[in-house]
Amino acid sequence: MARGEGEPSAKRAKVDEAKDEEEVVCFRLPPELWQKIVDEYLHQNDLLAFAMTCRFFRDTTTDLRKKVGRTTLNAYRLDDLRKSGKVASHTLGWFQWVCDTFKVLPRFTGGNLINYAALQGSVEILRWLMEDKGWELNWHTGWFAGMSGSVEVLEYLLERGYEFDRNVCRGAAKGGRLEALKFLRGLDPPCPWDEWTCIRAAEGGHLEVLKWVRSQDPPCPWVAAMRGHLDVLKWMRAQEPPCPWSASTCSLAARIGQLEALKWLRAQNPPCPWSRSACRLEAWKHQHVIDWIDQQEDESDVSDIDSDESYNSDSYDIGY
């Protein structure tokens, strides 16, 4: 063995040289190969950690940057990813890692993590975020807690002095969380609700929730049959008196591509009023709905949907 080869300094030099060679090979991989690695071999639960390893991993592909942007700390997007089956529920350790890693990034706030913990239904994580990290509940936390359906989380929020408003019942209705709704309405005084509780239950297709809220004394108010699944729409219109409908009912069915619901609405006697032009405009993502609208010969048409006070297109995009 040549002199010096066995010395620690020589070994370190060889290790460094090998690492440099690996990095050169790594950087020379074509973008399409990196795309394949990210899409097929990287578990979605590890995407954030992968992106934070170094700038090269974060910036190597446009698609990776888009994925990281979509899946960072938005409570809805994190929950969509969790419910897709691609990741398990995030643990306390994951939240601790995010807090340590992302606190140096711009626009990082604890509010999204608070809301995501509420949405996961984890009192343990909520307690750590609030008591150890010092982060506070926010106006949206009640909505996410209602969506989770966790009575334990709702009780914890009450213990922390969180004031429940109508958003909590709306969130529970949106998530189809009947037991949470019963708990909320059983409080003294009951958690408030409004017509949006019915709307959120209907748009989620939660007929049993809708039946329960309407069976209470007094029943939860409703103002219009909007965005419901077909079976929900049929039930709403079969009540005495029936839930009101308007041109916005058809427009919103067209907007989310519910052609069968739109057909049913227009086949009633008398048919649900509609604005042909508004429906066509709202259905721009759904060519099959546009094709059906164009085939209709019915001359009845609400000329000005803006006069329909129950319709606010933008309001149906918000989560709460």
C-alpha atoms as a PDB file:
ATOM      1  CA  MET A   1       0.000   0.000   0.000  1.00  0.00           C
ATOM      2  CA  ALA A   2       1.376   3.377  -0.958  1.00  0.00           C
ATOM      3  CA  ARG A   3       2.253   5.705   1.814  1.00  0.00           C
ATOM      4  CA  GLY A   4      -0.603   7.957   2.810  1.00  0.00           C
ATOM      5  CA  GLU A   5      -3.407   5.898   1.341  1.00  0.00           C
ATOM      6  CA  GLY A   6      -4.446   4.581   4.745  1.00  0.00           C
ATOM      7  CA  GLU A   7      -4.272   7.949   6.510  1.00  0.00           C
ATOM      8  CA  PRO A   8      -7.574   9.567   7.612  1.00  0.00           C
ATOM      9  CA  SER A   9      -6.975  12.671   5.491  1.00  0.00           C
ATOM     10  CA  ALA A  10      -6.489  10.557   2.354  1.00  0.00           C
ATOM     11  CA  LYS A  11      -9.646   8.586   3.076  1.00  0.00           C
ATOM     12  CA  ARG A  12     -11.646  11.778   3.548  1.00  0.00           C
ATOM     13  CA  ALA A  13     -10.297  13.099   0.257  1.00  0.00           C
ATOM     14  CA  LYS A  14     -11.425   9.949  -1.555  1.00  0.00           C
ATOM     15  CA  VAL A  15     -14.862  10.106   0.054  1.00  0.00           C
ATOM     16  CA  ASP A  16     -15.227  13.762  -0.948  1.00  0.00           C
ATOM     17  CA  GLU A  17     -14.102  12.931  -4.477  1.00  0.00           C
ATOM     18  CA  ALA A  18     -16.681  10.124  -4.700  1.00  0.00           C
ATOM     19  CA  LYS A  19     -19.422  12.445  -3.448  1.00  0.00           C
ATOM     20  CA  ASP A  20     -18.477  15.042  -6.024  1.00  0.00           C
ATOM     21  CA  GLU A  21     -18.687  12.443  -8.763  1.00  0.00           C
ATOM     22  CA  GLU A  22     -22.121  11.332  -7.524  1.00  0.00           C
ATOM     23  CA  GLU A  23     -23.351  14.909  -7.525  1.00  0.00           C
ATOM     24  CA  VAL A  24     -22.112  15.436 -11.077  1.00  0.00           C
ATOM     25  CA  VAL A  25     -23.962  12.319 -12.213  1.00  0.00           C
ATOM     26  CA  CYS A  26     -27.023  13.436 -10.253  1.00  0.00           C
ATOM     27  CA  PHE A  27     -27.107  16.866 -11.877  1.00  0.00           C
ATOM     28  CA  ARG A  28     -26.634  15.355 -15.349  1.00  0.00           C
ATOM     29  CA  LEU A  29     -29.810  13.263 -15.160  1.00  0.00           C
ATOM     30  CA  PRO A  30     -32.231  14.450 -17.851  1.00  0.00           C
ATOM     31  CA  PRO A  31     -35.367  16.318 -16.665  1.00  0.00           C
ATOM     32  CA  GLU A  32     -37.678  13.561 -17.911  1.00  0.00           C
ATOM     33  CA  LEU A  33     -35.881  11.052 -15.674  1.00  0.00           C
ATOM     34  CA  TRP A  34     -36.268  13.326 -12.671  1.00  0.00           C
ATOM     35  CA  GLN A  35     -39.944  13.634 -13.600  1.00  0.00           C
ATOM     36  CA  LYS A  36     -40.261   9.835 -13.564  1.00  0.00           C
ATOM     37  CA  ILE A  37     -38.525   9.616 -10.195  1.00  0.00           C
ATOM     38  CA  VAL A  38     -40.811  12.223  -8.658  1.00  0.00           C
ATOM     39  CA  ASP A  39     -44.017  10.836 -10.168  1.00  0.00           C
ATOM     40  CA  GLU A  40     -43.447   7.112  -9.711  1.00  0.00           C
ATOM     41  CA  TYR A  41     -40.942   6.548  -6.943  1.00  0.00           C
ATOM     42  CA  LEU A  42     -41.360   9.415  -4.485  1.00  0.00           C
ATOM     43  CA  HIS A  43     -44.060   8.856  -1.881  1.00  0.00           C
ATOM     44  CA  GLN A  44     -46.304  11.896  -1.637  1.00  0.00           C
ATOM     45  CA  ASN A  45     -45.841  12.003   2.109  1.00  0.00           C
ATOM     46  CA  ASP A  46     -42.121  12.610   1.533  1.00  0.00           C
ATOM     47  CA  LEU A  47     -42.527  15.313  -1.100  1.00  0.00           C
ATOM     48  CA  LEU A  48     -42.004  18.239   1.264  1.00  0.00           C
ATOM     49  CA  ALA A  49     -38.919  16.677   2.824  1.00  0.00           C
ATOM     50  CA  PHE A  50     -37.495  15.906  -0.621  1.00  0.00           C
ATOM     51  CA  ALA A  51     -38.049  19.470  -1.817  1.00  0.00           C
ATOM     52  CA  MET A  52     -36.455  20.942   1.299  1.00  0.00           C
ATOM     53  CA  THR A  53     -33.273  18.850   1.001  1.00  0.00           C
ATOM     54  CA  CYS A  54     -31.553  21.238  -1.394  1.00  0.00           C
ATOM     55  CA  ARG A  55     -32.316  23.849  -4.005  1.00  0.00           C
ATOM     56  CA  PHE A  56     -31.530  21.440  -6.821  1.00  0.00           C
ATOM     57  CA  PHE A  57     -34.217  18.972  -5.683  1.00  0.00           C
ATOM     58  CA  ARG A  58     -36.686  21.811  -5.266  1.00  0.00           C
ATOM     59  CA  ASP A  59     -36.012  23.419  -8.616  1.00  0.00           C
ATOM     60  CA  THR A  60     -35.042  20.494 -10.824  1.00  0.00           C
ATOM     61  CA  THR A  61     -38.452  20.185 -12.470  1.00  0.00           C
ATOM     62  CA  THR A  62     -41.313  22.585 -13.001  1.00  0.00           C
ATOM     63  CA  ASP A  63     -43.805  19.902 -12.048  1.00  0.00           C
ATOM     64  CA  LEU A  64     -42.100  19.309  -8.730  1.00  0.00           C
ATOM     65  CA  ARG A  65     -42.317  22.991  -7.909  1.00  0.00           C
ATOM     66  CA  LYS A  66     -46.014  22.921  -8.761  1.00  0.00           C
ATOM     67  CA  LYS A  67     -46.590  19.879  -6.561  1.00  0.00           C
ATOM     68  CA  VAL A  68     -44.770  21.450  -3.645  1.00  0.00           C
ATOM     69  CA  GLY A  69     -46.782  24.622  -4.105  1.00  0.00           C
ATOM     70  CA  ARG A  70     -50.029  22.651  -4.082  1.00  0.00           C
ATOM     71  CA  THR A  71     -49.245  20.510  -1.098  1.00  0.00           C
ATOM     72  CA  THR A  72     -47.457  22.815   1.300  1.00  0.00           C
ATOM     73  CA  LEU A  73     -49.555  24.046   4.212  1.00  0.00           C
ATOM     74  CA  ASN A  74     -53.066  24.554   2.887  1.00  0.00           C
ATOM     75  CA  ALA A  75     -55.384  22.585   5.175  1.00  0.00           C
ATOM     76  CA  TYR A  76     -57.787  21.661   2.370  1.00  0.00           C
ATOM     77  CA  ARG A  77     -55.054  20.415   0.042  1.00  0.00           C
ATOM     78  CA  LEU A  78     -53.306  18.473   2.762  1.00  0.00           C
ATOM     79  CA  ASP A  79     -56.605  16.824   3.663  1.00  0.00           C
ATOM     80  CA  ASP A  80     -57.392  16.038   0.017  1.00  0.00           C
ATOM     81  CA  LEU A  81     -54.008  14.342  -0.235  1.00  0.00           C
ATOM     82  CA  ARG A  82     -54.674  12.397   2.959  1.00  0.00           C
ATOM     83  CA  LYS A  83     -58.133  11.262   1.822  1.00  0.00           C
ATOM     84  CA  SER A  84     -56.767  10.228  -1.568  1.00  0.00           C
ATOM     85  CA  GLY A  85     -54.991   7.354   0.168  1.00  0.00           C
ATOM     86  CA  LYS A  86     -51.559   8.544  -0.980  1.00  0.00           C
ATOM     87  CA  VAL A  87     -50.608   9.496   2.557  1.00  0.00           C
ATOM     88  CA  ALA A  88     -51.666   8.483   6.034  1.00  0.00           C
ATOM     89  CA  SER A  89     -52.901  10.994   8.585  1.00  0.00           C
ATOM     90  CA  HIS A  90     -50.002  13.225   9.505  1.00  0.00           C
ATOM     91  CA  THR A  91     -48.526  12.518  12.927  1.00  0.00           C
ATOM     92  CA  LEU A  92     -47.371  14.831  15.683  1.00  0.00           C
ATOM     93  CA  GLY A  93     -43.812  14.199  14.482  1.00  0.00           C
ATOM     94  CA  TRP A  94     -44.738  15.468  11.012  1.00  0.00           C
ATOM     95  CA  PHE A  95     -46.199  18.662  12.487  1.00  0.00           C
ATOM     96  CA  GLN A  96     -43.054  19.135  14.582  1.00  0.00           C
ATOM     97  CA  TRP A  97     -40.876  18.676  11.501  1.00  0.00           C
ATOM     98  CA  VAL A  98     -42.933  21.218   9.540  1.00  0.00           C
ATOM     99  CA  CYS A  99     -42.692  23.747  12.380  1.00  0.00           C
ATOM    100  CA  ASP A 100     -38.910  23.375  12.552  1.00  0.00           C
ATOM    101  CA  THR A 101     -38.438  23.481   8.772  1.00  0.00           C
ATOM    102  CA  PHE A 102     -40.924  26.008   7.510  1.00  0.00           C
ATOM    103  CA  LYS A 103     -40.494  28.706  10.143  1.00  0.00           C
ATOM    104  CA  VAL A 104     -37.717  30.186   7.975  1.00  0.00           C
ATOM    105  CA  LEU A 105     -39.911  30.426   4.877  1.00  0.00           C
ATOM    106  CA  PRO A 106     -41.863  33.525   3.836  1.00  0.00           C
ATOM    107  CA  ARG A 107     -45.614  33.535   4.439  1.00  0.00           C
ATOM    108  CA  PHE A 108     -45.367  30.718   6.949  1.00  0.00           C
ATOM    109  CA  THR A 109     -48.123  30.948   9.556  1.00  0.00           C
ATOM    110  CA  GLY A 110     -49.261  28.554  12.214  1.00  0.00           C
ATOM    111  CA  GLY A 111     -52.911  29.118  11.354  1.00  0.00           C
ATOM    112  CA  ASN A 112     -52.966  26.552   8.572  1.00  0.00           C
ATOM    113  CA  LEU A 113     -51.419  23.906  10.808  1.00  0.00           C
ATOM    114  CA  ILE A 114     -53.898  24.689  13.588  1.00  0.00           C
ATOM    115  CA  ASN A 115     -56.769  24.266  11.132  1.00  0.00           C
ATOM    116  CA  TYR A 116     -55.319  21.097   9.629  1.00  0.00           C
ATOM    117  CA  ALA A 117     -54.919  19.562  13.089  1.00  0.00           C
ATOM    118  CA  ALA A 118     -58.565  20.409  13.803  1.00  0.00           C
ATOM    119  CA  LEU A 119     -59.557  18.864  10.475  1.00  0.00           C
ATOM    120  CA  GLN A 120     -57.664  15.686  11.344  1.00  0.00           C
ATOM    121  CA  GLY A 121     -59.533  15.579  14.650  1.00  0.00           C
ATOM    122  CA  SER A 122     -56.395  15.484  16.782  1.00  0.00           C
ATOM    123  CA  VAL A 123     -56.561  17.087  20.221  1.00  0.00           C
ATOM    124  CA  GLU A 124     -52.989  15.945  20.900  1.00  0.00           C
ATOM    125  CA  ILE A 125     -51.604  17.916  17.954  1.00  0.00           C
ATOM    126  CA  LEU A 126     -53.815  20.931  18.647  1.00  0.00           C
ATOM    127  CA  ARG A 127     -52.642  21.008  22.249  1.00  0.00           C
ATOM    128  CA  TRP A 128     -48.981  20.855  21.182  1.00  0.00           C
ATOM    129  CA  LEU A 129     -49.390  23.624  18.604  1.00  0.00           C
ATOM    130  CA  MET A 130     -51.163  25.884  21.071  1.00  0.00           C
ATOM    131  CA  GLU A 131     -49.423  25.140  24.353  1.00  0.00           C
ATOM    132  CA  ASP A 132     -45.888  24.393  23.134  1.00  0.00           C
ATOM    133  CA  LYS A 133     -45.697  26.617  20.052  1.00  0.00           C
ATOM    134  CA  GLY A 134     -47.979  29.341  21.379  1.00  0.00           C
ATOM    135  CA  TRP A 135     -50.129  29.548  18.278  1.00  0.00           C
ATOM    136  CA  GLU A 136     -53.706  30.720  18.523  1.00  0.00           C
ATOM    137  CA  LEU A 137     -57.019  29.524  17.178  1.00  0.00           C
ATOM    138  CA  ASN A 138     -58.428  31.563  14.316  1.00  0.00           C
ATOM    139  CA  TRP A 139     -61.785  32.395  12.779  1.00  0.00           C
ATOM    140  CA  HIS A 140     -61.622  29.400  10.423  1.00  0.00           C
ATOM    141  CA  THR A 141     -60.719  26.802  13.045  1.00  0.00           C
ATOM    142  CA  GLY A 142     -64.356  26.188  13.986  1.00  0.00           C
ATOM    143  CA  TRP A 143     -65.246  25.356  10.385  1.00  0.00           C
ATOM    144  CA  PHE A 144     -62.451  22.782  10.163  1.00  0.00           C
ATOM    145  CA  ALA A 145     -63.352  21.302  13.550  1.00  0.00           C
ATOM    146  CA  GLY A 146     -66.946  20.905  12.393  1.00  0.00           C
ATOM    147  CA  MET A 147     -65.738  19.296   9.156  1.00  0.00           C
ATOM    148  CA  SER A 148     -63.721  16.769  11.164  1.00  0.00           C
ATOM    149  CA  GLY A 149     -66.770  15.671  13.141  1.00  0.00           C
ATOM    150  CA  SER A 150     -64.617  15.129  16.229  1.00  0.00           C
ATOM    151  CA  VAL A 151     -66.664  15.901  19.323  1.00  0.00           C
ATOM    152  CA  GLU A 152     -63.436  15.636  21.324  1.00  0.00           C
ATOM    153  CA  VAL A 153     -61.895  18.483  19.309  1.00  0.00           C
ATOM    154  CA  LEU A 154     -65.062  20.566  19.627  1.00  0.00           C
ATOM    155  CA  GLU A 155     -65.014  20.067  23.411  1.00  0.00           C
ATOM    156  CA  TYR A 156     -61.348  21.072  23.512  1.00  0.00           C
ATOM    157  CA  LEU A 157     -62.084  24.276  21.603  1.00  0.00           C
ATOM    158  CA  LEU A 158     -64.810  25.121  24.104  1.00  0.00           C
ATOM    159  CA  GLU A 159     -62.367  24.520  26.962  1.00  0.00           C
ATOM    160  CA  ARG A 160     -59.982  26.979  25.310  1.00  0.00           C
ATOM    161  CA  GLY A 161     -62.730  29.610  25.223  1.00  0.00           C
ATOM    162  CA  TYR A 162     -63.304  29.410  21.472  1.00  0.00           C
ATOM    163  CA  GLU A 163     -66.625  31.008  20.536  1.00  0.00           C
ATOM    164  CA  PHE A 164     -68.689  28.890  18.168  1.00  0.00           C
ATOM    165  CA  ASP A 165     -70.477  30.653  15.341  1.00  0.00           C
ATOM    166  CA  ARG A 166     -72.536  29.529  12.338  1.00  0.00           C
ATOM    167  CA  ASN A 167     -69.422  28.348  10.500  1.00  0.00           C
ATOM    168  CA  VAL A 168     -69.046  25.413  12.883  1.00  0.00           C
ATOM    169  CA  CYS A 169     -72.484  23.985  11.988  1.00  0.00           C
ATOM    170  CA  ARG A 170     -71.834  24.737   8.323  1.00  0.00           C
ATOM    171  CA  GLY A 171     -68.587  22.784   8.465  1.00  0.00           C
ATOM    172  CA  ALA A 172     -70.235  19.828  10.199  1.00  0.00           C
ATOM    173  CA  ALA A 173     -73.010  19.799   7.589  1.00  0.00           C
ATOM    174  CA  LYS A 174     -70.488  20.014   4.749  1.00  0.00           C
ATOM    175  CA  GLY A 175     -68.620  17.024   6.173  1.00  0.00           C
ATOM    176  CA  GLY A 176     -71.812  15.044   6.789  1.00  0.00           C
ATOM    177  CA  ARG A 177     -71.027  14.925  10.528  1.00  0.00           C
ATOM    178  CA  LEU A 178     -74.437  14.282  12.070  1.00  0.00           C
ATOM    179  CA  GLU A 179     -73.168  13.416  15.573  1.00  0.00           C
ATOM    180  CA  ALA A 180     -71.138  16.624  15.662  1.00  0.00           C
ATOM    181  CA  LEU A 181     -74.221  18.600  14.625  1.00  0.00           C
ATOM    182  CA  LYS A 182     -76.269  16.967  17.373  1.00  0.00           C
ATOM    183  CA  PHE A 183     -73.559  17.868  19.884  1.00  0.00           C
ATOM    184  CA  LEU A 184     -73.383  21.464  18.658  1.00  0.00           C
ATOM    185  CA  ARG A 185     -77.126  21.967  18.759  1.00  0.00           C
ATOM    186  CA  GLY A 186     -77.321  20.335  22.173  1.00  0.00           C
ATOM    187  CA  LEU A 187     -75.125  23.000  23.748  1.00  0.00           C
ATOM    188  CA  ASP A 188     -76.637  25.672  25.978  1.00  0.00           C
ATOM    189  CA  PRO A 189     -77.125  27.912  24.125  1.00  0.00           C
ATOM    190  CA  PRO A 190     -77.122  25.892  20.879  1.00  0.00           C
ATOM    191  CA  CYS A 191     -74.427  26.623  18.324  1.00  0.00           C
ATOM    192  CA  PRO A 192     -76.105  28.910  15.779  1.00  0.00           C
ATOM    193  CA  TRP A 193     -76.939  27.752  12.278  1.00  0.00           C
ATOM    194  CA  ASP A 194     -78.534  29.287   9.198  1.00  0.00           C
ATOM    195  CA  GLU A 195     -79.649  28.450   5.656  1.00  0.00           C
ATOM    196  CA  TRP A 196     -76.037  27.737   4.690  1.00  0.00           C
ATOM    197  CA  THR A 197     -76.119  24.707   6.964  1.00  0.00           C
ATOM    198  CA  CYS A 198     -78.754  23.211   4.655  1.00  0.00           C
ATOM    199  CA  ILE A 199     -76.884  24.305   1.544  1.00  0.00           C
ATOM    200  CA  ARG A 200     -73.640  22.700   2.731  1.00  0.00           C
ATOM    201  CA  ALA A 201     -75.401  19.440   3.606  1.00  0.00           C
ATOM    202  CA  ALA A 202     -77.137  19.393   0.226  1.00  0.00           C
ATOM    203  CA  GLU A 203     -74.037  20.081  -1.832  1.00  0.00           C
ATOM    204  CA  GLY A 204     -72.226  17.313   0.028  1.00  0.00           C
ATOM    205  CA  GLY A 205     -75.050  14.884  -0.741  1.00  0.00           C
ATOM    206  CA  HIS A 206     -75.680  14.290   2.962  1.00  0.00           C
ATOM    207  CA  LEU A 207     -79.401  13.562   2.879  1.00  0.00           C
ATOM    208  CA  GLU A 208     -79.592  12.137   6.419  1.00  0.00           C
ATOM    209  CA  VAL A 209     -77.992  15.301   7.782  1.00  0.00           C
ATOM    210  CA  LEU A 210     -80.417  17.445   5.797  1.00  0.00           C
ATOM    211  CA  LYS A 211     -83.408  15.435   7.045  1.00  0.00           C
ATOM    212  CA  TRP A 212     -82.265  15.827  10.643  1.00  0.00           C
ATOM    213  CA  VAL A 213     -81.659  19.567  10.550  1.00  0.00           C
ATOM    214  CA  ARG A 214     -85.060  20.087   8.912  1.00  0.00           C
ATOM    215  CA  SER A 215     -86.798  17.880  11.491  1.00  0.00           C
ATOM    216  CA  GLN A 216     -85.722  20.025  14.434  1.00  0.00           C
ATOM    217  CA  ASP A 217     -88.059  22.430  16.208  1.00  0.00           C
ATOM    218  CA  PRO A 218     -87.691  24.982  14.807  1.00  0.00           C
ATOM    219  CA  PRO A 219     -86.151  23.529  11.652  1.00  0.00           C
ATOM    220  CA  CYS A 220     -82.924  24.849  10.240  1.00  0.00           C
ATOM    221  CA  PRO A 221     -83.914  27.497   7.681  1.00  0.00           C
ATOM    222  CA  TRP A 222     -83.444  26.991   3.966  1.00  0.00           C
ATOM    223  CA  VAL A 223     -83.805  29.445   1.124  1.00  0.00           C
ATOM    224  CA  ALA A 224     -83.130  27.601  -2.120  1.00  0.00           C
ATOM    225  CA  ALA A 225     -82.536  24.136  -3.534  1.00  0.00           C
ATOM    226  CA  MET A 226     -78.988  24.599  -4.768  1.00  0.00           C
ATOM    227  CA  ARG A 227     -76.146  22.328  -5.773  1.00  0.00           C
ATOM    228  CA  GLY A 228     -77.703  19.259  -4.278  1.00  0.00           C
ATOM    229  CA  HIS A 229     -77.270  15.761  -5.624  1.00  0.00           C
ATOM    230  CA  LEU A 230     -80.296  14.520  -7.530  1.00  0.00           C
ATOM    231  CA  ASP A 231     -81.705  12.433  -4.669  1.00  0.00           C
ATOM    232  CA  VAL A 232     -81.270  15.416  -2.349  1.00  0.00           C
ATOM    233  CA  LEU A 233     -83.000  17.760  -4.796  1.00  0.00           C
ATOM    234  CA  LYS A 234     -85.921  15.359  -5.147  1.00  0.00           C
ATOM    235  CA  TRP A 235     -86.335  15.136  -1.385  1.00  0.00           C
ATOM    236  CA  MET A 236     -86.107  18.894  -0.921  1.00  0.00           C
ATOM    237  CA  ARG A 237     -88.796  19.521  -3.511  1.00  0.00           C
ATOM    238  CA  ALA A 238     -91.032  16.779  -2.100  1.00  0.00           C
ATOM    239  CA  GLN A 239     -91.349  18.519   1.283  1.00  0.00           C
ATOM    240  CA  GLU A 240     -94.425  20.475   2.300  1.00  0.00           C
ATOM    241  CA  PRO A 241     -93.943  23.241   1.524  1.00  0.00           C
ATOM    242  CA  PRO A 242     -91.181  22.398  -0.966  1.00  0.00           C
ATOM    243  CA  CYS A 243     -87.787  24.024  -0.681  1.00  0.00           C
ATOM    244  CA  PRO A 244     -87.812  27.074  -2.972  1.00  0.00           C
ATOM    245  CA  TRP A 245     -85.939  26.964  -6.237  1.00  0.00           C
ATOM    246  CA  SER A 246     -84.958  29.567  -8.798  1.00  0.00           C
ATOM    247  CA  ALA A 247     -82.939  30.078 -11.959  1.00  0.00           C
ATOM    248  CA  SER A 248     -79.792  29.772  -9.853  1.00  0.00           C
ATOM    249  CA  THR A 249     -80.705  26.170  -9.037  1.00  0.00           C
ATOM    250  CA  CYS A 250     -80.294  25.236 -12.703  1.00  0.00           C
ATOM    251  CA  SER A 251     -77.230  27.416 -13.165  1.00  0.00           C
ATOM    252  CA  LEU A 252     -75.389  25.819 -10.278  1.00  0.00           C
ATOM    253  CA  ALA A 253     -76.283  22.304 -11.449  1.00  0.00           C
ATOM    254  CA  ALA A 254     -74.817  23.224 -14.844  1.00  0.00           C
ATOM    255  CA  ARG A 255     -71.756  24.710 -13.220  1.00  0.00           C
ATOM    256  CA  ILE A 256     -70.713  21.453 -11.558  1.00  0.00           C
ATOM    257  CA  GLY A 257     -71.725  19.264 -14.487  1.00  0.00           C
ATOM    258  CA  GLN A 258     -74.770  17.620 -12.893  1.00  0.00           C
ATOM    259  CA  LEU A 259     -76.609  16.976 -16.133  1.00  0.00           C
ATOM    260  CA  GLU A 260     -79.087  14.469 -14.673  1.00  0.00           C
ATOM    261  CA  ALA A 261     -80.052  16.974 -12.005  1.00  0.00           C
ATOM    262  CA  LEU A 262     -80.466  19.692 -14.627  1.00  0.00           C
ATOM    263  CA  LYS A 263     -82.634  17.419 -16.773  1.00  0.00           C
ATOM    264  CA  TRP A 264     -84.815  16.568 -13.795  1.00  0.00           C
ATOM    265  CA  LEU A 265     -85.202  20.208 -12.786  1.00  0.00           C
ATOM    266  CA  ARG A 266     -86.340  21.182 -16.260  1.00  0.00           C
ATOM    267  CA  ALA A 267     -88.685  18.177 -16.597  1.00  0.00           C
ATOM    268  CA  GLN A 268     -90.849  19.114 -13.616  1.00  0.00           C
ATOM    269  CA  ASN A 269     -94.322  20.558 -13.990  1.00  0.00           C
ATOM    270  CA  PRO A 270     -93.906  23.459 -13.920  1.00  0.00           C
ATOM    271  CA  PRO A 271     -90.157  23.282 -14.662  1.00  0.00           C
ATOM    272  CA  CYS A 272     -87.566  24.981 -12.543  1.00  0.00           C
ATOM    273  CA  PRO A 273     -86.921  28.408 -14.081  1.00  0.00           C
ATOM    274  CA  TRP A 274     -83.624  28.887 -15.815  1.00  0.00           C
ATOM    275  CA  SER A 275     -81.502  31.270 -17.796  1.00  0.00           C
ATOM    276  CA  ARG A 276     -80.295  29.386 -20.846  1.00  0.00           C
ATOM    277  CA  SER A 277     -77.397  31.781 -21.381  1.00  0.00           C
ATOM    278  CA  ALA A 278     -76.355  31.694 -17.724  1.00  0.00           C
ATOM    279  CA  CYS A 279     -76.468  27.877 -17.647  1.00  0.00           C
ATOM    280  CA  ARG A 280     -74.406  27.689 -20.807  1.00  0.00           C
ATOM    281  CA  LEU A 281     -71.859  30.091 -19.375  1.00  0.00           C
ATOM    282  CA  GLU A 282     -71.631  28.237 -16.061  1.00  0.00           C
ATOM    283  CA  ALA A 283     -71.180  24.871 -17.825  1.00  0.00           C
ATOM    284  CA  TRP A 284     -68.051  25.922 -19.718  1.00  0.00           C
ATOM    285  CA  LYS A 285     -66.074  23.019 -18.212  1.00  0.00           C
ATOM    286  CA  HIS A 286     -68.713  20.445 -19.151  1.00  0.00           C
ATOM    287  CA  GLN A 287     -69.242  20.127 -22.892  1.00  0.00           C
ATOM    288  CA  HIS A 288     -71.890  17.405 -22.499  1.00  0.00           C
ATOM    289  CA  VAL A 289     -73.999  19.835 -20.465  1.00  0.00           C
ATOM    290  CA  ILE A 290     -73.559  22.581 -23.064  1.00  0.00           C
ATOM    291  CA  ASP A 291     -74.592  20.157 -25.823  1.00  0.00           C
ATOM    292  CA  TRP A 292     -77.787  19.296 -23.959  1.00  0.00           C
ATOM    293  CA  ILE A 293     -78.614  22.957 -23.306  1.00  0.00           C
ATOM    294  CA  ASP A 294     -78.180  23.749 -27.000  1.00  0.00           C
ATOM    295  CA  GLN A 295     -80.628  20.983 -27.912  1.00  0.00           C
ATOM    296  CA  GLN A 296     -83.449  22.359 -25.788  1.00  0.00           C
ATOM    297  CA  GLU A 297     -86.280  24.102 -27.604  1.00  0.00           C
ATOM    298  CA  ASP A 298     -88.078  25.410 -24.549  1.00  0.00           C
ATOM    299  CA  GLU A 299     -88.514  29.147 -24.999  1.00  0.00           C
ATOM    300  CA  SER A 300     -88.966  29.924 -21.306  1.00  0.00           C
ATOM    301  CA  ASP A 301     -85.941  31.819 -20.117  1.00  0.00           C
ATOM    302  CA  VAL A 302     -85.201  34.038 -17.138  1.00  0.00           C
ATOM    303  CA  SER A 303     -83.622  37.004 -18.874  1.00  0.00           C
ATOM    304  CA  ASP A 304     -81.712  38.417 -15.931  1.00  0.00           C
ATOM    305  CA  ILE A 305     -80.307  35.984 -13.392  1.00  0.00           C
ATOM    306  CA  ASP A 306     -78.702  38.882 -11.556  1.00  0.00           C
ATOM    307  CA  SER A 307     -82.164  39.757 -10.275  1.00  0.00           C
ATOM    308  CA  ASP A 308     -82.231  36.423  -8.442  1.00  0.00           C
ATOM    309  CA  GLU A 309     -81.191  37.490  -4.947  1.00  0.00           C
ATOM    310  CA  SER A 310     -80.447  33.937  -3.839  1.00  0.00           C
ATOM    311  CA  TYR A 311     -77.753  33.562  -6.472  1.00  0.00           C
ATOM    312  CA  ASN A 312     -74.197  34.560  -5.886  1.00  0.00           C
ATOM    313  CA  SER A 313     -71.864  32.582  -8.121  1.00  0.00           C
ATOM    314  CA  ASP A 314     -68.713  33.467  -6.222  1.00  0.00           C
ATOM    315  CA  SER A 315     -70.152  32.480  -2.854  1.00  0.00           C
ATOM    316  CA  TYR A 316     -70.344  28.865  -3.915  1.00  0.00           C
ATOM    317  CA  ASP A 317     -66.598  28.626  -4.363  1.00  0.00           C
ATOM    318  CA  ILE A 318     -65.632  29.421  -0.803  1.00  0.00           C
ATOM    319  CA  GLY A 319     -65.074  26.643   1.652  1.00  0.00           C
ATOM    320  CA  TYR A 320     -66.931  28.215   4.532  1.00  0.00           C
END
